[in-house]
Amino acid sequence: MEFYDVNNNFALTKFKHLSVINSWRINIKVCELAGKISDKIQKSHFKLIFEPMFLKFMGSAEPELKAASCKTIGAVCKNMTDDEHKNKLQSSLKKLAA
């Protein structure tokens, strides 16, 4: 995240690559950094790269990743509108509850 201020394209590209690797350990680490990420980067970048990633993590087959992604809800919510809460987040939460 320290590289974001210097070269945000480089930092965002690295996060995109990490999400493609699809390692649950790496994904959990990204979840742990969700608060710092949402505070540091622009809202448009967060919505483009991280919001879909975190919503995908909520539906993961790995219970550890599901739990870690649930801790990111605050970071995800503060970058969403009310309509997005209803459409995107509620459906993910219903799946978790089931």
Protein backbone atom coordinates (compact mmCIF):
# COMPACT_ATOMS: atom_id res chain seq x y z
CA MET A 1 0.00 0.00 0.00
CA GLU A 2 2.94 2.32 0.48
CA PHE A 3 3.56 2.20 -3.28
CA TYR A 4 0.06 3.49 -4.04
CA ASP A 5 1.04 7.11 -3.36
CA VAL A 6 4.11 6.81 -5.58
CA ASN A 7 2.64 4.76 -8.43
CA ASN A 8 -0.97 3.76 -8.01
CA ASN A 9 -1.10 1.83 -11.29
CA PHE A 10 1.74 -0.43 -10.12
CA ALA A 11 0.09 -1.09 -6.75
CA LEU A 12 -3.33 -1.79 -8.27
CA THR A 13 -1.82 -4.12 -10.88
CA LYS A 14 -0.12 -6.10 -8.12
CA PHE A 15 -3.40 -6.47 -6.24
CA LYS A 16 -5.13 -7.62 -9.44
CA HIS A 17 -2.42 -10.26 -9.90
CA LEU A 18 -2.79 -11.41 -6.29
CA SER A 19 -6.51 -11.91 -6.74
CA VAL A 20 -5.93 -14.07 -9.83
CA ILE A 21 -3.51 -16.35 -7.97
CA ASN A 22 -6.48 -17.41 -5.85
CA SER A 23 -4.51 -18.52 -2.81
CA TRP A 24 -6.72 -18.42 0.27
CA ARG A 25 -3.74 -17.38 2.44
CA ILE A 26 -3.00 -14.38 0.21
CA ASN A 27 -6.70 -13.53 0.05
CA ILE A 28 -6.95 -13.58 3.84
CA LYS A 29 -4.00 -11.19 4.04
CA VAL A 30 -5.74 -8.87 1.56
CA CYS A 31 -8.85 -9.03 3.77
CA GLU A 32 -6.77 -8.08 6.79
CA LEU A 33 -5.60 -4.99 4.91
CA ALA A 34 -9.10 -3.99 3.75
CA GLY A 35 -9.44 -1.07 6.15
CA LYS A 36 -6.07 0.36 5.21
CA ILE A 37 -6.78 -0.19 1.52
CA SER A 38 -10.15 1.58 1.63
CA ASP A 39 -8.66 4.55 3.50
CA LYS A 40 -5.67 4.86 1.21
CA ILE A 41 -6.96 4.45 -2.33
CA GLN A 42 -9.51 6.36 -4.36
CA LYS A 43 -13.12 5.25 -4.11
CA SER A 44 -13.29 4.48 -7.84
CA HIS A 45 -10.24 2.20 -7.60
CA PHE A 46 -11.68 0.42 -4.58
CA LYS A 47 -15.00 -0.15 -6.33
CA LEU A 48 -13.32 -1.41 -9.49
CA ILE A 49 -10.82 -3.84 -7.96
CA PHE A 50 -11.54 -4.61 -4.33
CA GLU A 51 -15.31 -4.52 -3.95
CA PRO A 52 -15.93 -7.44 -6.35
CA MET A 53 -12.98 -9.29 -4.81
CA PHE A 54 -14.33 -9.00 -1.26
CA LEU A 55 -17.87 -9.93 -2.32
CA LYS A 56 -16.44 -12.98 -4.09
CA PHE A 57 -14.52 -13.94 -0.95
CA MET A 58 -17.79 -13.99 1.03
CA GLY A 59 -18.94 -16.87 -1.14
CA SER A 60 -15.69 -18.81 -0.89
CA ALA A 61 -15.58 -22.50 -0.06
CA GLU A 62 -12.80 -21.83 2.47
CA PRO A 63 -14.35 -21.06 5.89
CA GLU A 64 -11.29 -19.06 6.98
CA LEU A 65 -11.61 -16.82 3.93
CA LYS A 66 -15.36 -16.38 4.50
CA ALA A 67 -14.68 -15.30 8.07
CA ALA A 68 -11.91 -12.91 7.01
CA SER A 69 -14.09 -11.41 4.29
CA CYS A 70 -16.90 -10.79 6.77
CA LYS A 71 -14.51 -8.59 8.71
CA THR A 72 -14.12 -6.42 5.59
CA ILE A 73 -17.81 -5.46 5.48
CA GLY A 74 -17.15 -2.07 7.06
CA ALA A 75 -14.53 -1.16 4.47
CA VAL A 76 -16.74 -2.34 1.63
CA CYS A 77 -19.88 -0.60 2.94
CA LYS A 78 -18.33 2.81 3.30
CA ASN A 79 -17.60 2.80 -0.44
CA MET A 80 -21.13 1.72 -1.48
CA THR A 81 -24.32 3.65 -2.05
CA ASP A 82 -27.61 2.62 -0.44
CA ASP A 83 -28.76 0.94 -3.65
CA GLU A 84 -25.52 -1.04 -3.85
CA HIS A 85 -26.01 -2.14 -0.24
CA LYS A 86 -29.39 -3.55 -1.18
CA ASN A 87 -28.38 -5.12 -4.48
CA LYS A 88 -24.85 -6.40 -3.94
CA LEU A 89 -24.20 -6.77 -0.24
CA GLN A 90 -27.57 -8.13 0.84
CA SER A 91 -27.40 -10.98 -1.64
CA SER A 92 -23.92 -11.94 -0.38
CA LEU A 93 -25.08 -11.79 3.23
CA LYS A 94 -28.15 -13.92 2.48
CA LYS A 95 -25.91 -16.57 0.96
CA LEU A 96 -23.72 -16.51 4.08
CA ALA A 97 -26.74 -16.82 6.35
CA ALA A 98 -28.00 -19.82 4.39
